[in-house]
């Protein structure tokens, strides 16, 4: 092993150790002890690591780790805006990980940016759909919204029937599809070696069903999912047309989540649960894909 390889390995080891020892930003609203009847954990006890392999932007791994650690330190010091700026820098540089989005949501919520915080929690949930801390903090933030409008989440019946679609992230679905696809072709190959085996026939049939199920979920996410618009300012007006001087149909407030029906040149058409629709300036919402 060359001297430069040794130096590189030592550098990565030191970096991994420093990042592994860093704790996640603590949960906002820690003075509130319960959410939906469940006591929420103190997130300062949940270690968070920086998966350097996921960095795809211009930051080097060492600089990215430094930004991450500085953002965590700023959060612990109560400098919410500085912490949020650090996490946002990582996101801009390609590190759009669910854990960074979670910490970003915490910092934004502490800084009074309710709408942007909810958008970050939703992005974190898309990457980590089974994370109870993400669910608890999202619920806490939603309780602070002004509008009595139910978020456009799937019903409990639908999410139960199609549990794999909503309980697995896009990445997990893709990995599952690749693994099942490989197993399917391996079993088919075994069928050529040992033709007529009943167990091989049933295994290939079950794997095909599972393969089609995962493929259906991936296609649904790709072509059928509509983005959710999260209101960012304290108050915005929804118009009858994508024009500033058009009639105001209703007003919305920070943190409200709405289904997107259409997008047009700097405007977004959203719908309420009762069927009402209106156009909102694209600068006043954050679009989140689930």
C-alpha atoms as a PDB file:
ATOM      1  CA  UNK A   1       0.000   0.000   0.000  1.00  0.00           C
ATOM      2  CA  UNK A   2       1.423   3.376  -1.024  1.00  0.00           C
ATOM      3  CA  UNK A   3       2.032   6.221   1.394  1.00  0.00           C
ATOM      4  CA  UNK A   4      -0.807   8.248  -0.185  1.00  0.00           C
ATOM      5  CA  UNK A   5      -3.265   5.373   0.190  1.00  0.00           C
ATOM      6  CA  UNK A   6      -2.352   5.134   3.886  1.00  0.00           C
ATOM      7  CA  UNK A   7      -2.864   8.853   4.374  1.00  0.00           C
ATOM      8  CA  UNK A   8      -6.230   8.679   2.603  1.00  0.00           C
ATOM      9  CA  UNK A   9      -7.457   5.780   4.715  1.00  0.00           C
ATOM     10  CA  UNK A  10      -6.370   7.471   7.914  1.00  0.00           C
ATOM     11  CA  UNK A  11      -8.171  10.643   6.884  1.00  0.00           C
ATOM     12  CA  UNK A  12     -11.405   8.780   6.176  1.00  0.00           C
ATOM     13  CA  UNK A  13     -11.107   6.936   9.492  1.00  0.00           C
ATOM     14  CA  UNK A  14     -10.719  10.160  11.454  1.00  0.00           C
ATOM     15  CA  UNK A  15     -13.604  11.726   9.532  1.00  0.00           C
ATOM     16  CA  UNK A  16     -15.893   8.748  10.156  1.00  0.00           C
ATOM     17  CA  UNK A  17     -15.069   8.764  13.869  1.00  0.00           C
ATOM     18  CA  UNK A  18     -15.763  12.477  14.200  1.00  0.00           C
ATOM     19  CA  UNK A  19     -19.067  12.214  12.365  1.00  0.00           C
ATOM     20  CA  UNK A  20     -20.190   9.065  14.181  1.00  0.00           C
ATOM     21  CA  UNK A  21     -19.781  10.809  17.504  1.00  0.00           C
ATOM     22  CA  UNK A  22     -22.085  13.649  16.522  1.00  0.00           C
ATOM     23  CA  UNK A  23     -25.659  13.716  17.794  1.00  0.00           C
ATOM     24  CA  UNK A  24     -28.722  14.838  15.885  1.00  0.00           C
ATOM     25  CA  UNK A  25     -30.313  18.163  16.613  1.00  0.00           C
ATOM     26  CA  UNK A  26     -32.770  17.877  19.446  1.00  0.00           C
ATOM     27  CA  UNK A  27     -36.470  17.749  18.880  1.00  0.00           C
ATOM     28  CA  UNK A  28     -38.358  21.029  18.574  1.00  0.00           C
ATOM     29  CA  UNK A  29     -41.047  21.605  21.108  1.00  0.00           C
ATOM     30  CA  UNK A  30     -39.275  19.457  23.680  1.00  0.00           C
ATOM     31  CA  UNK A  31     -41.387  21.110  26.343  1.00  0.00           C
ATOM     32  CA  UNK A  32     -44.357  19.278  24.823  1.00  0.00           C
ATOM     33  CA  UNK A  33     -44.076  15.791  26.268  1.00  0.00           C
ATOM     34  CA  UNK A  34     -46.568  13.947  24.076  1.00  0.00           C
ATOM     35  CA  UNK A  35     -47.769  13.728  20.483  1.00  0.00           C
ATOM     36  CA  UNK A  36     -50.894  11.690  19.776  1.00  0.00           C
ATOM     37  CA  UNK A  37     -50.679  10.045  23.173  1.00  0.00           C
ATOM     38  CA  UNK A  38     -47.088   8.850  22.732  1.00  0.00           C
ATOM     39  CA  UNK A  39     -44.174  10.318  24.623  1.00  0.00           C
ATOM     40  CA  UNK A  40     -41.601  11.482  22.120  1.00  0.00           C
ATOM     41  CA  UNK A  41     -37.965  10.538  22.550  1.00  0.00           C
ATOM     42  CA  UNK A  42     -35.217  13.006  23.281  1.00  0.00           C
ATOM     43  CA  UNK A  43     -33.514  13.114  19.908  1.00  0.00           C
ATOM     44  CA  UNK A  44     -30.228  14.292  21.372  1.00  0.00           C
ATOM     45  CA  UNK A  45     -29.765  10.632  22.250  1.00  0.00           C
ATOM     46  CA  UNK A  46     -30.154   9.468  18.626  1.00  0.00           C
ATOM     47  CA  UNK A  47     -26.756   9.396  16.878  1.00  0.00           C
ATOM     48  CA  UNK A  48     -26.735  10.561  13.281  1.00  0.00           C
ATOM     49  CA  UNK A  49     -24.036   9.728  10.782  1.00  0.00           C
ATOM     50  CA  UNK A  50     -23.092  11.481   7.565  1.00  0.00           C
ATOM     51  CA  UNK A  51     -23.161   8.903   4.720  1.00  0.00           C
ATOM     52  CA  UNK A  52     -20.368  10.398   2.654  1.00  0.00           C
ATOM     53  CA  UNK A  53     -21.022   8.119  -0.301  1.00  0.00           C
ATOM     54  CA  UNK A  54     -24.274   9.987  -0.943  1.00  0.00           C
ATOM     55  CA  UNK A  55     -22.573  13.329  -1.538  1.00  0.00           C
ATOM     56  CA  UNK A  56     -22.832  14.227  -5.210  1.00  0.00           C
ATOM     57  CA  UNK A  57     -22.187  17.961  -5.206  1.00  0.00           C
ATOM     58  CA  UNK A  58     -19.114  20.150  -5.170  1.00  0.00           C
ATOM     59  CA  UNK A  59     -18.314  19.739  -1.461  1.00  0.00           C
ATOM     60  CA  UNK A  60     -15.513  17.367  -0.581  1.00  0.00           C
ATOM     61  CA  UNK A  61     -16.342  14.752   2.086  1.00  0.00           C
ATOM     62  CA  UNK A  62     -14.170  16.515   4.634  1.00  0.00           C
ATOM     63  CA  UNK A  63     -15.763  19.930   3.995  1.00  0.00           C
ATOM     64  CA  UNK A  64     -19.260  18.425   4.003  1.00  0.00           C
ATOM     65  CA  UNK A  65     -18.592  16.811   7.384  1.00  0.00           C
ATOM     66  CA  UNK A  66     -17.321  20.155   8.689  1.00  0.00           C
ATOM     67  CA  UNK A  67     -20.461  21.955   7.508  1.00  0.00           C
ATOM     68  CA  UNK A  68     -22.623  19.270   9.097  1.00  0.00           C
ATOM     69  CA  UNK A  69     -20.841  19.439  12.449  1.00  0.00           C
ATOM     70  CA  UNK A  70     -20.962  23.249  12.465  1.00  0.00           C
ATOM     71  CA  UNK A  71     -24.694  23.182  11.746  1.00  0.00           C
ATOM     72  CA  UNK A  72     -25.295  20.757  14.617  1.00  0.00           C
ATOM     73  CA  UNK A  73     -23.197  22.912  16.938  1.00  0.00           C
ATOM     74  CA  UNK A  74     -25.136  26.013  15.897  1.00  0.00           C
ATOM     75  CA  UNK A  75     -28.402  24.228  16.639  1.00  0.00           C
ATOM     76  CA  UNK A  76     -27.232  23.218  20.109  1.00  0.00           C
ATOM     77  CA  UNK A  77     -26.189  26.836  20.731  1.00  0.00           C
ATOM     78  CA  UNK A  78     -29.644  28.098  19.773  1.00  0.00           C
ATOM     79  CA  UNK A  79     -28.514  29.722  16.514  1.00  0.00           C
ATOM     80  CA  UNK A  80     -31.424  28.297  14.548  1.00  0.00           C
ATOM     81  CA  UNK A  81     -30.938  30.399  11.387  1.00  0.00           C
ATOM     82  CA  UNK A  82     -27.234  29.524  11.170  1.00  0.00           C
ATOM     83  CA  UNK A  83     -27.996  25.831  11.679  1.00  0.00           C
ATOM     84  CA  UNK A  84     -30.664  25.896   8.977  1.00  0.00           C
ATOM     85  CA  UNK A  85     -28.251  27.634   6.578  1.00  0.00           C
ATOM     86  CA  UNK A  86     -25.692  24.870   7.119  1.00  0.00           C
ATOM     87  CA  UNK A  87     -28.169  22.062   6.473  1.00  0.00           C
ATOM     88  CA  UNK A  88     -29.521  23.915   3.416  1.00  0.00           C
ATOM     89  CA  UNK A  89     -26.000  24.163   2.035  1.00  0.00           C
ATOM     90  CA  UNK A  90     -25.625  20.392   2.281  1.00  0.00           C
ATOM     91  CA  UNK A  91     -28.947  19.912   0.491  1.00  0.00           C
ATOM     92  CA  UNK A  92     -27.932  22.307  -2.299  1.00  0.00           C
ATOM     93  CA  UNK A  93     -24.660  20.427  -2.740  1.00  0.00           C
ATOM     94  CA  UNK A  94     -26.476  17.157  -3.360  1.00  0.00           C
ATOM     95  CA  UNK A  95     -26.697  15.708   0.143  1.00  0.00           C
ATOM     96  CA  UNK A  96     -30.485  15.503   0.187  1.00  0.00           C
ATOM     97  CA  UNK A  97     -30.609  12.806   2.837  1.00  0.00           C
ATOM     98  CA  UNK A  98     -33.640  12.238   5.036  1.00  0.00           C
ATOM     99  CA  UNK A  99     -31.606  12.771   8.192  1.00  0.00           C
ATOM    100  CA  UNK A 100     -30.295  16.141   7.065  1.00  0.00           C
ATOM    101  CA  UNK A 101     -33.821  17.141   6.039  1.00  0.00           C
ATOM    102  CA  UNK A 102     -35.004  16.125   9.508  1.00  0.00           C
ATOM    103  CA  UNK A 103     -32.414  18.326  11.211  1.00  0.00           C
ATOM    104  CA  UNK A 104     -33.221  21.130   8.781  1.00  0.00           C
ATOM    105  CA  UNK A 105     -36.894  20.851   9.702  1.00  0.00           C
ATOM    106  CA  UNK A 106     -36.024  21.081  13.392  1.00  0.00           C
ATOM    107  CA  UNK A 107     -33.915  24.211  12.853  1.00  0.00           C
ATOM    108  CA  UNK A 108     -36.542  25.875  10.649  1.00  0.00           C
ATOM    109  CA  UNK A 109     -39.306  25.145  13.130  1.00  0.00           C
ATOM    110  CA  UNK A 110     -37.291  26.601  16.002  1.00  0.00           C
ATOM    111  CA  UNK A 111     -36.613  29.648  13.821  1.00  0.00           C
ATOM    112  CA  UNK A 112     -40.340  30.244  13.283  1.00  0.00           C
ATOM    113  CA  UNK A 113     -40.430  29.077   9.643  1.00  0.00           C
ATOM    114  CA  UNK A 114     -43.375  26.700   9.988  1.00  0.00           C
ATOM    115  CA  UNK A 115     -44.118  26.112   6.304  1.00  0.00           C
ATOM    116  CA  UNK A 116     -40.522  25.415   5.315  1.00  0.00           C
ATOM    117  CA  UNK A 117     -40.131  23.136   8.357  1.00  0.00           C
ATOM    118  CA  UNK A 118     -43.146  21.035   7.371  1.00  0.00           C
ATOM    119  CA  UNK A 119     -41.794  20.758   3.818  1.00  0.00           C
ATOM    120  CA  UNK A 120     -38.472  19.467   5.200  1.00  0.00           C
ATOM    121  CA  UNK A 121     -40.234  16.955   7.442  1.00  0.00           C
ATOM    122  CA  UNK A 122     -42.243  15.703   4.454  1.00  0.00           C
ATOM    123  CA  UNK A 123     -39.051  15.238   2.440  1.00  0.00           C
ATOM    124  CA  UNK A 124     -37.490  13.425   5.378  1.00  0.00           C
ATOM    125  CA  UNK A 125     -40.552  11.192   5.659  1.00  0.00           C
ATOM    126  CA  UNK A 126     -40.282  10.295   1.967  1.00  0.00           C
ATOM    127  CA  UNK A 127     -36.745   9.021   2.618  1.00  0.00           C
ATOM    128  CA  UNK A 128     -37.508   7.496   6.045  1.00  0.00           C
ATOM    129  CA  UNK A 129     -41.224   6.568   5.996  1.00  0.00           C
ATOM    130  CA  UNK A 130     -41.026   4.355   9.105  1.00  0.00           C
ATOM    131  CA  UNK A 131     -39.080   6.789  11.294  1.00  0.00           C
ATOM    132  CA  UNK A 132     -41.199   7.536  14.374  1.00  0.00           C
ATOM    133  CA  UNK A 133     -39.270  10.706  15.215  1.00  0.00           C
ATOM    134  CA  UNK A 134     -39.980  12.180  11.794  1.00  0.00           C
ATOM    135  CA  UNK A 135     -43.658  11.312  12.167  1.00  0.00           C
ATOM    136  CA  UNK A 136     -43.825  12.823  15.667  1.00  0.00           C
ATOM    137  CA  UNK A 137     -42.140  16.089  14.694  1.00  0.00           C
ATOM    138  CA  UNK A 138     -44.276  16.410  11.565  1.00  0.00           C
ATOM    139  CA  UNK A 139     -47.384  15.912  13.684  1.00  0.00           C
ATOM    140  CA  UNK A 140     -46.170  18.497  16.187  1.00  0.00           C
ATOM    141  CA  UNK A 141     -45.556  21.028  13.418  1.00  0.00           C
ATOM    142  CA  UNK A 142     -48.945  20.359  11.832  1.00  0.00           C
ATOM    143  CA  UNK A 143     -50.646  21.130  15.128  1.00  0.00           C
ATOM    144  CA  UNK A 144     -49.229  24.656  14.899  1.00  0.00           C
ATOM    145  CA  UNK A 145     -50.862  25.470  11.549  1.00  0.00           C
ATOM    146  CA  UNK A 146     -53.719  27.970  11.433  1.00  0.00           C
ATOM    147  CA  UNK A 147     -55.924  26.478   8.715  1.00  0.00           C
ATOM    148  CA  UNK A 148     -58.192  23.567   9.666  1.00  0.00           C
ATOM    149  CA  UNK A 149     -57.351  21.694   6.461  1.00  0.00           C
ATOM    150  CA  UNK A 150     -56.449  18.022   6.518  1.00  0.00           C
ATOM    151  CA  UNK A 151     -53.138  17.231   4.764  1.00  0.00           C
ATOM    152  CA  UNK A 152     -53.564  15.254   1.514  1.00  0.00           C
ATOM    153  CA  UNK A 153     -52.248  12.020   3.011  1.00  0.00           C
ATOM    154  CA  UNK A 154     -53.668   8.654   1.882  1.00  0.00           C
ATOM    155  CA  UNK A 155     -56.471   7.208   3.964  1.00  0.00           C
ATOM    156  CA  UNK A 156     -55.699   4.631   6.624  1.00  0.00           C
ATOM    157  CA  UNK A 157     -57.492   1.949   4.589  1.00  0.00           C
ATOM    158  CA  UNK A 158     -55.454   2.646   1.450  1.00  0.00           C
ATOM    159  CA  UNK A 159     -52.152   2.879   3.337  1.00  0.00           C
ATOM    160  CA  UNK A 160     -52.935  -0.435   5.069  1.00  0.00           C
ATOM    161  CA  UNK A 161     -53.900  -2.328   1.922  1.00  0.00           C
ATOM    162  CA  UNK A 162     -50.948  -1.022  -0.075  1.00  0.00           C
ATOM    163  CA  UNK A 163     -48.598  -0.987   2.910  1.00  0.00           C
ATOM    164  CA  UNK A 164     -45.442  -1.659   0.873  1.00  0.00           C
ATOM    165  CA  UNK A 165     -46.131   1.398  -1.304  1.00  0.00           C
ATOM    166  CA  UNK A 166     -46.305   3.767   1.657  1.00  0.00           C
ATOM    167  CA  UNK A 167     -43.982   2.048   4.149  1.00  0.00           C
ATOM    168  CA  UNK A 168     -41.022   1.713   1.800  1.00  0.00           C
ATOM    169  CA  UNK A 169     -39.027   4.599   0.370  1.00  0.00           C
ATOM    170  CA  UNK A 170     -38.457   4.948  -3.362  1.00  0.00           C
ATOM    171  CA  UNK A 171     -34.906   3.692  -2.896  1.00  0.00           C
ATOM    172  CA  UNK A 172     -36.042   0.639  -0.926  1.00  0.00           C
ATOM    173  CA  UNK A 173     -38.623  -0.171  -3.595  1.00  0.00           C
ATOM    174  CA  UNK A 174     -35.970   0.089  -6.304  1.00  0.00           C
ATOM    175  CA  UNK A 175     -33.526  -2.122  -4.399  1.00  0.00           C
ATOM    176  CA  UNK A 176     -36.284  -4.639  -3.692  1.00  0.00           C
ATOM    177  CA  UNK A 177     -37.210  -4.694  -7.370  1.00  0.00           C
ATOM    178  CA  UNK A 178     -33.614  -5.390  -8.410  1.00  0.00           C
ATOM    179  CA  UNK A 179     -33.188  -8.171  -5.826  1.00  0.00           C
ATOM    180  CA  UNK A 180     -36.475  -9.879  -6.703  1.00  0.00           C
ATOM    181  CA  UNK A 181     -35.729  -9.537 -10.410  1.00  0.00           C
ATOM    182  CA  UNK A 182     -32.377 -11.291  -9.898  1.00  0.00           C
ATOM    183  CA  UNK A 183     -33.975 -14.076  -7.855  1.00  0.00           C
ATOM    184  CA  UNK A 184     -36.699 -14.507 -10.475  1.00  0.00           C
ATOM    185  CA  UNK A 185     -34.191 -15.136 -13.260  1.00  0.00           C
ATOM    186  CA  UNK A 186     -32.106 -17.417 -11.046  1.00  0.00           C
ATOM    187  CA  UNK A 187     -35.194 -19.532 -10.305  1.00  0.00           C
ATOM    188  CA  UNK A 188     -36.062 -19.620 -14.009  1.00  0.00           C
ATOM    189  CA  UNK A 189     -32.539 -20.842 -14.700  1.00  0.00           C
ATOM    190  CA  UNK A 190     -32.946 -23.574 -12.104  1.00  0.00           C
ATOM    191  CA  UNK A 191     -36.162 -24.561 -13.856  1.00  0.00           C
ATOM    192  CA  UNK A 192     -34.171 -25.242 -17.010  1.00  0.00           C
ATOM    193  CA  UNK A 193     -31.735 -27.406 -15.070  1.00  0.00           C
ATOM    194  CA  UNK A 194     -34.443 -29.305 -13.157  1.00  0.00           C
ATOM    195  CA  UNK A 195     -37.592 -29.099 -15.298  1.00  0.00           C
ATOM    196  CA  UNK A 196     -40.925 -30.138 -13.866  1.00  0.00           C
ATOM    197  CA  UNK A 197     -40.082 -29.349 -10.231  1.00  0.00           C
ATOM    198  CA  UNK A 198     -43.245 -28.095  -8.522  1.00  0.00           C
ATOM    199  CA  UNK A 199     -41.358 -25.991  -5.976  1.00  0.00           C
ATOM    200  CA  UNK A 200     -39.522 -24.131  -8.746  1.00  0.00           C
ATOM    201  CA  UNK A 201     -42.765 -23.469 -10.579  1.00  0.00           C
ATOM    202  CA  UNK A 202     -44.407 -21.998  -7.476  1.00  0.00           C
ATOM    203  CA  UNK A 203     -41.320 -20.004  -6.532  1.00  0.00           C
ATOM    204  CA  UNK A 204     -41.111 -18.428  -9.985  1.00  0.00           C
ATOM    205  CA  UNK A 205     -44.837 -17.612  -9.889  1.00  0.00           C
ATOM    206  CA  UNK A 206     -44.619 -15.941  -6.456  1.00  0.00           C
ATOM    207  CA  UNK A 207     -41.491 -14.025  -7.438  1.00  0.00           C
ATOM    208  CA  UNK A 208     -43.224 -12.808 -10.604  1.00  0.00           C
ATOM    209  CA  UNK A 209     -46.181 -11.519  -8.565  1.00  0.00           C
ATOM    210  CA  UNK A 210     -43.820  -9.751  -6.166  1.00  0.00           C
ATOM    211  CA  UNK A 211     -41.832  -8.332  -9.084  1.00  0.00           C
ATOM    212  CA  UNK A 212     -44.963  -6.918 -10.717  1.00  0.00           C
ATOM    213  CA  UNK A 213     -46.120  -5.487  -7.386  1.00  0.00           C
ATOM    214  CA  UNK A 214     -42.858  -3.616  -6.826  1.00  0.00           C
ATOM    215  CA  UNK A 215     -42.758  -2.472 -10.444  1.00  0.00           C
ATOM    216  CA  UNK A 216     -46.314  -1.145 -10.093  1.00  0.00           C
ATOM    217  CA  UNK A 217     -45.356   0.890  -7.035  1.00  0.00           C
ATOM    218  CA  UNK A 218     -42.307   2.349  -8.780  1.00  0.00           C
ATOM    219  CA  UNK A 219     -44.375   3.301 -11.830  1.00  0.00           C
ATOM    220  CA  UNK A 220     -47.068   4.828  -9.633  1.00  0.00           C
ATOM    221  CA  UNK A 221     -44.485   6.978  -7.866  1.00  0.00           C
ATOM    222  CA  UNK A 222     -42.977   7.977 -11.193  1.00  0.00           C
ATOM    223  CA  UNK A 223     -46.108   8.826 -13.185  1.00  0.00           C
ATOM    224  CA  UNK A 224     -49.098   9.121 -10.828  1.00  0.00           C
ATOM    225  CA  UNK A 225     -47.796  10.906  -7.735  1.00  0.00           C
ATOM    226  CA  UNK A 226     -48.773  14.551  -7.510  1.00  0.00           C
ATOM    227  CA  UNK A 227     -46.663  16.968  -5.524  1.00  0.00           C
ATOM    228  CA  UNK A 228     -47.909  18.526  -2.314  1.00  0.00           C
ATOM    229  CA  UNK A 229     -47.744  22.312  -2.045  1.00  0.00           C
ATOM    230  CA  UNK A 230     -46.794  23.629   1.404  1.00  0.00           C
ATOM    231  CA  UNK A 231     -47.593  27.288   2.092  1.00  0.00           C
ATOM    232  CA  UNK A 232     -44.471  29.163   3.231  1.00  0.00           C
ATOM    233  CA  UNK A 233     -45.495  32.805   4.034  1.00  0.00           C
ATOM    234  CA  UNK A 234     -47.706  33.670   6.979  1.00  0.00           C
ATOM    235  CA  UNK A 235     -50.609  34.328   4.599  1.00  0.00           C
ATOM    236  CA  UNK A 236     -51.197  34.032   0.855  1.00  0.00           C
ATOM    237  CA  UNK A 237     -54.165  34.558  -1.447  1.00  0.00           C
ATOM    238  CA  UNK A 238     -55.512  31.896  -3.790  1.00  0.00           C
ATOM    239  CA  UNK A 239     -56.824  33.479  -7.002  1.00  0.00           C
ATOM    240  CA  UNK A 240     -59.387  32.407  -9.568  1.00  0.00           C
ATOM    241  CA  UNK A 241     -56.754  32.667 -12.304  1.00  0.00           C
ATOM    242  CA  UNK A 242     -52.950  32.710 -12.509  1.00  0.00           C
ATOM    243  CA  UNK A 243     -52.888  36.512 -12.398  1.00  0.00           C
ATOM    244  CA  UNK A 244     -52.188  38.907  -9.546  1.00  0.00           C
ATOM    245  CA  UNK A 245     -55.210  41.097 -10.339  1.00  0.00           C
ATOM    246  CA  UNK A 246     -57.678  38.194 -10.520  1.00  0.00           C
ATOM    247  CA  UNK A 247     -60.338  37.649  -7.857  1.00  0.00           C
ATOM    248  CA  UNK A 248     -59.162  36.216  -4.555  1.00  0.00           C
ATOM    249  CA  UNK A 249     -61.043  33.003  -3.862  1.00  0.00           C
ATOM    250  CA  UNK A 250     -59.668  32.182  -0.384  1.00  0.00           C
ATOM    251  CA  UNK A 251     -56.645  32.770   1.832  1.00  0.00           C
ATOM    252  CA  UNK A 252     -54.196  30.248   3.227  1.00  0.00           C
ATOM    253  CA  UNK A 253     -51.582  30.335   5.964  1.00  0.00           C
ATOM    254  CA  UNK A 254     -48.126  28.971   6.703  1.00  0.00           C
ATOM    255  CA  UNK A 255     -47.777  25.203   6.891  1.00  0.00           C
ATOM    256  CA  UNK A 256     -51.002  24.290   5.099  1.00  0.00           C
ATOM    257  CA  UNK A 257     -50.527  21.316   2.779  1.00  0.00           C
ATOM    258  CA  UNK A 258     -52.516  21.129  -0.445  1.00  0.00           C
ATOM    259  CA  UNK A 259     -52.768  18.843  -3.430  1.00  0.00           C
ATOM    260  CA  UNK A 260     -51.347  20.311  -6.638  1.00  0.00           C
ATOM    261  CA  UNK A 261     -53.692  20.086  -9.611  1.00  0.00           C
ATOM    262  CA  UNK A 262     -51.749  22.082 -12.199  1.00  0.00           C
ATOM    263  CA  UNK A 263     -48.660  24.257 -12.671  1.00  0.00           C
ATOM    264  CA  UNK A 264     -48.245  27.151 -15.071  1.00  0.00           C
ATOM    265  CA  UNK A 265     -45.449  29.729 -15.492  1.00  0.00           C
ATOM    266  CA  UNK A 266     -44.794  30.657 -11.875  1.00  0.00           C
ATOM    267  CA  UNK A 267     -48.229  29.639 -10.589  1.00  0.00           C
ATOM    268  CA  UNK A 268     -49.610  26.540  -8.897  1.00  0.00           C
ATOM    269  CA  UNK A 269     -53.259  25.489  -8.869  1.00  0.00           C
ATOM    270  CA  UNK A 270     -54.171  23.795  -5.598  1.00  0.00           C
ATOM    271  CA  UNK A 271     -57.320  22.109  -4.352  1.00  0.00           C
ATOM    272  CA  UNK A 272     -58.954  21.970  -0.932  1.00  0.00           C
ATOM    273  CA  UNK A 273     -60.557  18.806   0.475  1.00  0.00           C
ATOM    274  CA  UNK A 274     -64.024  20.278  -0.266  1.00  0.00           C
ATOM    275  CA  UNK A 275     -63.182  20.654  -3.955  1.00  0.00           C
ATOM    276  CA  UNK A 276     -62.410  24.381  -4.073  1.00  0.00           C
ATOM    277  CA  UNK A 277     -59.458  25.331  -6.213  1.00  0.00           C
ATOM    278  CA  UNK A 278     -57.284  28.397  -6.552  1.00  0.00           C
ATOM    279  CA  UNK A 279     -54.043  29.672  -8.075  1.00  0.00           C
ATOM    280  CA  UNK A 280     -51.093  30.586  -5.838  1.00  0.00           C
ATOM    281  CA  UNK A 281     -47.793  32.159  -6.850  1.00  0.00           C
ATOM    282  CA  UNK A 282     -45.086  29.537  -7.112  1.00  0.00           C
ATOM    283  CA  UNK A 283     -42.756  31.617  -4.941  1.00  0.00           C
ATOM    284  CA  UNK A 284     -45.109  31.222  -1.975  1.00  0.00           C
ATOM    285  CA  UNK A 285     -45.111  27.410  -1.831  1.00  0.00           C
ATOM    286  CA  UNK A 286     -42.644  24.561  -1.536  1.00  0.00           C
ATOM    287  CA  UNK A 287     -43.444  21.525  -3.673  1.00  0.00           C
ATOM    288  CA  UNK A 288     -42.744  18.128  -2.113  1.00  0.00           C
ATOM    289  CA  UNK A 289     -42.907  14.815  -3.912  1.00  0.00           C
ATOM    290  CA  UNK A 290     -43.712  11.830  -1.714  1.00  0.00           C
END
